[in-house]
Amino acid sequence: MAAQPSRFIAKMALDHKTAREDPREKLKALRAEFAAKATAAKAQAIP
């Protein structure tokens, strides 16, 4: 019989996407995204 981890361990496992997000990295990514959108909008507005 193969050993299986306890179901408690499996139940308490965090989702890998939401495990530990660094808020500073998230903010940097949002700023970069908004800067890119602003640049694209400005480039489109100037003929």
Protein backbone atom coordinates (compact mmCIF):
# COMPACT_ATOMS: atom_id res chain seq x y z
CA MET A 1 0.00 0.00 0.00
CA ALA A 2 1.47 3.33 -1.07
CA ALA A 3 1.57 6.11 1.49
CA GLN A 4 -0.79 9.00 0.77
CA PRO A 5 -0.67 12.40 2.41
CA SER A 6 -3.32 13.18 4.94
CA ARG A 7 -6.50 14.66 3.47
CA PHE A 8 -6.11 17.54 5.94
CA ILE A 9 -2.85 18.52 4.22
CA ALA A 10 -4.51 18.39 0.82
CA LYS A 11 -7.49 20.38 2.08
CA MET A 12 -5.32 23.12 3.57
CA ALA A 13 -3.13 23.49 0.47
CA LEU A 14 -3.33 26.98 -0.95
CA ASP A 15 -4.13 27.71 -4.56
CA HIS A 16 -0.81 28.34 -6.32
CA LYS A 17 -2.04 31.55 -7.98
CA THR A 18 -3.12 33.19 -4.75
CA ALA A 19 -0.56 31.65 -2.42
CA ARG A 20 1.60 34.68 -1.68
CA GLU A 21 1.43 37.70 -3.94
CA ASP A 22 3.87 40.51 -3.32
CA PRO A 23 1.80 43.70 -3.29
CA ARG A 24 4.77 45.78 -4.48
CA GLU A 25 5.25 43.56 -7.54
CA LYS A 26 1.53 43.69 -8.25
CA LEU A 27 1.57 47.49 -8.04
CA LYS A 28 4.60 47.69 -10.36
CA ALA A 29 2.79 45.52 -12.92
CA LEU A 30 -0.36 47.67 -12.71
CA ARG A 31 1.66 50.88 -13.12
CA ALA A 32 3.45 49.44 -16.15
CA GLU A 33 0.14 48.36 -17.67
CA PHE A 34 -1.45 51.79 -17.17
CA ALA A 35 1.64 53.55 -18.51
CA ALA A 36 1.49 51.41 -21.65
CA LYS A 37 -2.21 52.19 -22.10
CA ALA A 38 -1.60 55.91 -21.62
CA THR A 39 1.24 55.87 -24.15
CA ALA A 40 -0.91 54.03 -26.67
CA ALA A 41 -3.81 56.45 -26.16
CA LYS A 42 -1.50 59.46 -26.51
CA ALA A 43 0.06 58.05 -29.69
CA GLN A 44 -3.38 57.43 -31.17
CA ALA A 45 -4.61 60.94 -30.29
CA ILE A 46 -1.71 62.65 -32.07
CA PRO A 47 -2.19 62.31 -35.85
